[in-house]
Amino acid sequence: MSLRYGTYTEFQGPPGRDHAELIWDVLEVGVQADQLGFGTFTCLEHPWFEKFAINAFPLGVFCTLAERTRNIRFRTLCHTLPLHNPMVLAGQIAQADILLNGRLDVGVGRGHAWLNEPANIDMFENVERYPECLEILLKAWTEDRFTFEGKYYQAHDLQVVPKPIQKRSFTTSASSTCQRLDRPFAVCRGCRLHTISSSRTARGRSSATGSSATRRNASARKPTRVTRSSHCLKTPRASSSSATFRWARF
């Protein structure tokens, strides 16, 4: 097994920084990453709060970079599914896969908590919307027509076009809780476990639960290769939490 390195950027915009200049600077980073042999260019989807990120359209970034790069793959971590109409997003992602000639890895998740209010999404609805959105995406990409009856989304004999050119699964799930891992492990190529806690006791309990949940799901669905990476993130709220990320690739 070989170790591959990639890049990650959040398009952070300090006060007074020209947004257009910043975006083109990040694009240049992607070009150089390809020239230097990095395997993946990764960025998040984040439409508000410029100090954190100003990247509202990662697929547009990737399609622009596709014209200026040759080998590097592109990954969004993550598309915040509860903020989207999944029937529309499915076609947008599929068309991006075509324009990228199959160099797309799709990261999906529930997103940062502070994204819900500006999008007029109830925080508690976010948890329930996410698995419905994921189910619709996968049906849209793998079935000619599909019907879906959920609490928040319905589709009847719907055909989403175009279809992605990648036939294998190219979806990665990012989860902030262990309770939603079963479905992503079953249908996605990988899962990024994002465990958040506000106290040392809770953090220890969450990490232990997350690790065991990851191992149980990984061992139940062969073949699976699990690798690990971690870093810390501080939320912009007063009651900051630490976050640990674990990465599993199928």
Protein backbone atom coordinates (compact mmCIF):
# COMPACT_ATOMS: atom_id res chain seq x y z
CA MET A 1 0.00 0.00 0.00
CA SER A 2 1.42 3.38 -0.99
CA LEU A 3 0.97 6.63 0.91
CA ARG A 4 -0.47 9.49 -1.12
CA TYR A 5 -0.54 13.14 -0.11
CA GLY A 6 -3.10 15.79 -0.98
CA THR A 7 -3.86 19.43 -0.23
CA TYR A 8 -6.73 21.03 1.68
CA THR A 9 -7.81 24.66 1.68
CA GLU A 10 -10.66 26.60 3.28
CA PHE A 11 -10.54 29.84 1.23
CA GLN A 12 -10.25 31.88 4.43
CA GLY A 13 -10.84 35.58 3.75
CA PRO A 14 -9.32 38.08 6.20
CA PRO A 15 -11.13 41.43 6.47
CA GLY A 16 -10.43 43.62 3.49
CA ARG A 17 -9.10 40.83 1.28
CA ASP A 18 -10.45 40.98 -2.25
CA HIS A 19 -12.52 37.85 -2.78
CA ALA A 20 -11.73 37.47 -6.47
CA GLU A 21 -8.00 37.76 -5.81
CA LEU A 22 -8.20 35.17 -3.05
CA ILE A 23 -10.06 32.66 -5.20
CA TRP A 24 -7.55 32.96 -8.05
CA ASP A 25 -4.68 32.58 -5.57
CA VAL A 26 -6.17 29.31 -4.34
CA LEU A 27 -6.61 28.13 -7.91
CA GLU A 28 -2.90 28.69 -8.44
CA VAL A 29 -2.24 26.48 -5.40
CA GLY A 30 -4.22 23.74 -7.13
CA VAL A 31 -2.17 24.09 -10.30
CA GLN A 32 1.10 23.89 -8.38
CA ALA A 33 -0.15 20.91 -6.36
CA ASP A 34 -0.74 19.01 -9.61
CA GLN A 35 2.69 19.95 -10.93
CA LEU A 36 4.31 18.76 -7.69
CA GLY A 37 2.59 15.40 -7.83
CA PHE A 38 0.00 15.71 -5.07
CA GLY A 39 -2.86 13.24 -5.43
CA THR A 40 -5.88 15.30 -4.34
CA PHE A 41 -7.00 18.92 -4.17
CA THR A 42 -9.60 19.17 -1.39
CA CYS A 43 -11.71 22.10 -0.25
CA LEU A 44 -14.93 22.64 1.65
CA GLU A 45 -18.27 24.11 0.64
CA HIS A 46 -18.93 27.16 2.80
CA PRO A 47 -21.18 30.02 1.59
CA TRP A 48 -21.05 32.36 4.63
CA PHE A 49 -18.64 33.86 7.20
CA GLU A 50 -15.66 35.01 5.14
CA LYS A 51 -13.13 34.65 7.96
CA PHE A 52 -13.73 30.91 7.85
CA ALA A 53 -14.23 30.38 4.12
CA ILE A 54 -15.75 32.00 1.02
CA ASN A 55 -16.12 28.92 -1.17
CA ALA A 56 -19.80 28.71 -2.13
CA PHE A 57 -19.22 26.79 -5.39
CA PRO A 58 -16.49 24.14 -5.12
CA LEU A 59 -17.60 22.35 -8.29
CA GLY A 60 -16.88 25.53 -10.24
CA VAL A 61 -13.40 25.66 -8.71
CA PHE A 62 -12.75 22.07 -9.72
CA CYS A 63 -13.99 22.53 -13.29
CA THR A 64 -11.77 25.58 -13.69
CA LEU A 65 -8.76 23.69 -12.37
CA ALA A 66 -9.49 20.74 -14.66
CA GLU A 67 -8.50 22.90 -17.62
CA ARG A 68 -5.14 23.70 -16.01
CA THR A 69 -4.17 20.34 -14.46
CA ARG A 70 -3.55 16.81 -15.71
CA ASN A 71 -3.54 14.22 -12.91
CA ILE A 72 -4.75 15.58 -9.59
CA ARG A 73 -8.18 14.53 -8.31
CA PHE A 74 -10.71 16.89 -6.72
CA ARG A 75 -12.71 16.38 -3.53
CA THR A 76 -15.30 18.47 -1.68
CA LEU A 77 -15.35 17.94 2.07
CA CYS A 78 -18.05 18.41 2.19
CA HIS A 79 -21.25 19.22 0.31
CA THR A 80 -23.63 20.05 3.16
CA LEU A 81 -26.55 17.95 1.97
CA PRO A 82 -29.34 19.37 4.17
CA LEU A 83 -28.72 22.79 2.59
CA HIS A 84 -29.41 21.46 -0.93
CA ASN A 85 -32.21 20.11 -3.05
CA PRO A 86 -30.69 16.65 -3.62
CA MET A 87 -32.53 16.13 -6.92
CA VAL A 88 -30.76 19.22 -8.30
CA LEU A 89 -27.39 18.62 -6.64
CA ALA A 90 -27.21 15.08 -8.04
CA GLY A 91 -27.24 16.36 -11.62
CA GLN A 92 -24.76 19.14 -10.88
CA ILE A 93 -22.27 16.72 -9.36
CA ALA A 94 -22.72 14.23 -12.20
CA GLN A 95 -22.06 16.92 -14.81
CA ALA A 96 -18.96 18.05 -12.91
CA ASP A 97 -17.72 14.46 -12.99
CA ILE A 98 -18.08 14.52 -16.78
CA LEU A 99 -16.25 17.85 -17.12
CA LEU A 100 -13.50 16.59 -14.80
CA ASN A 101 -13.19 13.39 -16.86
CA GLY A 102 -13.76 11.25 -13.79
CA ARG A 103 -11.32 13.02 -11.46
CA LEU A 104 -14.01 13.81 -8.87
CA ASP A 105 -14.40 12.46 -5.34
CA VAL A 106 -17.66 13.53 -3.72
CA GLY A 107 -17.65 14.37 -0.02
CA VAL A 108 -21.04 14.70 1.64
CA GLY A 109 -22.05 15.50 5.20
CA ARG A 110 -24.26 17.45 7.59
CA GLY A 111 -21.87 20.41 7.69
CA HIS A 112 -20.95 22.85 10.43
CA ALA A 113 -23.72 23.71 12.87
CA TRP A 114 -23.49 27.43 12.13
CA LEU A 115 -24.52 26.91 8.49
CA ASN A 116 -28.08 25.89 9.32
CA GLU A 117 -29.54 29.20 10.52
CA PRO A 118 -28.51 31.28 7.46
CA ALA A 119 -29.96 28.54 5.24
CA ASN A 120 -33.24 28.54 7.19
CA ILE A 121 -32.69 24.89 8.13
CA ASP A 122 -33.72 23.72 11.58
CA MET A 123 -30.77 22.12 13.38
CA PHE A 124 -32.82 19.08 14.38
CA GLU A 125 -34.13 18.63 10.84
CA ASN A 126 -30.55 18.56 9.61
CA VAL A 127 -30.01 15.12 11.18
CA GLU A 128 -33.07 13.65 9.45
CA ARG A 129 -32.58 15.36 6.10
CA TYR A 130 -29.04 14.07 5.62
CA PRO A 131 -29.74 10.33 5.10
CA GLU A 132 -32.66 11.14 2.80
CA CYS A 133 -30.43 13.38 0.67
CA LEU A 134 -27.71 10.74 0.50
CA GLU A 135 -30.19 8.06 -0.56
CA ILE A 136 -31.51 10.29 -3.35
CA LEU A 137 -28.03 11.10 -4.66
CA LEU A 138 -27.11 7.45 -4.93
CA LYS A 139 -30.38 6.54 -6.63
CA ALA A 140 -30.03 9.44 -9.06
CA TRP A 141 -26.55 8.31 -10.12
CA THR A 142 -27.17 4.55 -10.33
CA GLU A 143 -30.78 4.18 -11.48
CA ASP A 144 -32.28 5.36 -14.75
CA ARG A 145 -35.47 6.41 -12.94
CA PHE A 146 -36.35 6.21 -9.29
CA THR A 147 -39.11 6.87 -6.80
CA PHE A 148 -38.46 8.10 -3.28
CA GLU A 149 -40.88 8.78 -0.44
CA GLY A 150 -39.30 10.45 2.57
CA LYS A 151 -40.29 12.85 5.31
CA TYR A 152 -38.68 15.85 3.62
CA TYR A 153 -38.17 14.81 -0.02
CA GLN A 154 -40.35 12.99 -2.53
CA ALA A 155 -39.70 11.93 -6.10
CA HIS A 156 -41.90 9.91 -8.45
CA ASP A 157 -40.45 8.16 -11.50
CA LEU A 158 -37.74 10.82 -11.68
CA GLN A 159 -34.86 10.69 -14.13
CA VAL A 160 -31.87 12.81 -13.11
CA VAL A 161 -29.49 13.63 -15.95
CA PRO A 162 -26.71 13.56 -16.80
CA LYS A 163 -25.23 10.45 -15.20
CA PRO A 164 -21.65 10.49 -13.84
CA ILE A 165 -19.01 8.79 -15.96
CA GLN A 166 -17.45 7.02 -12.98
CA LYS A 167 -19.08 3.65 -12.52
CA ARG A 168 -17.53 2.89 -9.15
CA SER A 169 -18.66 4.65 -6.00
CA PHE A 170 -16.95 8.03 -5.74
CA THR A 171 -18.74 9.23 -2.62
CA THR A 172 -17.22 9.91 0.79
CA SER A 173 -19.37 10.60 3.83
CA ALA A 174 -18.48 12.96 6.67
CA SER A 175 -20.37 12.39 9.90
CA SER A 176 -20.43 14.33 13.16
CA THR A 177 -22.08 11.52 15.11
CA CYS A 178 -21.70 7.78 15.31
CA GLN A 179 -25.41 7.10 15.02
CA ARG A 180 -25.46 7.93 11.29
CA LEU A 181 -22.50 5.79 10.24
CA ASP A 182 -24.32 2.59 9.24
CA ARG A 183 -25.74 3.86 5.95
CA PRO A 184 -22.63 5.78 4.79
CA PHE A 185 -20.43 2.72 5.41
CA ALA A 186 -22.83 0.60 3.42
CA VAL A 187 -23.03 2.82 0.35
CA CYS A 188 -20.00 5.14 0.30
CA ARG A 189 -16.40 4.49 -0.66
CA GLY A 190 -15.23 6.02 2.60
CA CYS A 191 -16.31 7.71 5.79
CA ARG A 192 -14.82 10.61 7.68
CA LEU A 193 -15.83 10.49 11.34
CA HIS A 194 -16.00 13.93 12.90
CA THR A 195 -16.52 13.58 16.66
CA ILE A 196 -17.33 16.78 18.57
CA SER A 197 -17.53 17.15 22.33
CA SER A 198 -17.42 20.06 24.76
CA SER A 199 -15.94 18.34 27.84
CA ARG A 200 -13.08 15.96 28.54
CA THR A 201 -15.45 13.26 29.78
CA ALA A 202 -17.72 13.55 26.76
CA ARG A 203 -14.74 13.67 24.44
CA GLY A 204 -13.35 10.43 25.83
CA ARG A 205 -16.72 8.72 25.55
CA SER A 206 -17.34 9.97 22.00
CA SER A 207 -13.88 8.96 20.80
CA ALA A 208 -14.26 5.48 22.22
CA THR A 209 -17.70 5.07 20.71
CA GLY A 210 -16.55 6.42 17.39
CA SER A 211 -13.57 4.10 17.23
CA SER A 212 -15.62 0.99 18.04
CA ALA A 213 -18.38 2.01 15.64
CA THR A 214 -15.84 2.53 12.91
CA ARG A 215 -14.24 -0.85 13.54
CA ARG A 216 -17.58 -2.69 13.73
CA ASN A 217 -18.81 -1.21 10.45
CA ALA A 218 -15.46 -1.61 8.73
CA SER A 219 -15.12 -5.28 9.68
CA ALA A 220 -18.71 -6.06 8.73
CA ARG A 221 -18.24 -4.96 5.12
CA LYS A 222 -15.21 -6.43 3.41
CA PRO A 223 -13.04 -5.48 1.72
CA THR A 224 -12.24 -2.33 3.69
CA ARG A 225 -8.96 -0.52 4.22
CA VAL A 226 -8.91 1.98 7.07
CA THR A 227 -6.31 4.70 7.34
CA ARG A 228 -6.16 7.47 9.90
CA SER A 229 -5.58 11.19 10.03
CA SER A 230 -6.56 13.79 12.59
CA HIS A 231 -6.50 17.50 13.29
CA CYS A 232 -8.30 19.96 15.56
CA LEU A 233 -10.91 22.54 14.70
CA LYS A 234 -12.29 25.34 16.86
CA THR A 235 -15.82 26.54 16.24
CA PRO A 236 -16.46 30.33 16.08
CA ARG A 237 -18.94 30.11 18.96
CA ALA A 238 -18.12 31.01 22.54
CA SER A 239 -18.46 27.40 23.67
CA SER A 240 -15.71 26.09 21.41
CA SER A 241 -15.36 22.35 20.92
CA SER A 242 -12.48 20.24 19.78
CA ALA A 243 -13.04 17.98 16.82
CA THR A 244 -11.19 14.84 15.85
CA PHE A 245 -11.35 13.45 12.34
CA ARG A 246 -10.78 9.86 11.34
CA TRP A 247 -10.62 8.90 7.69
CA ALA A 248 -11.64 5.53 6.31
CA ARG A 249 -11.26 4.66 2.64
CA PHE A 250 -12.86 1.70 0.89
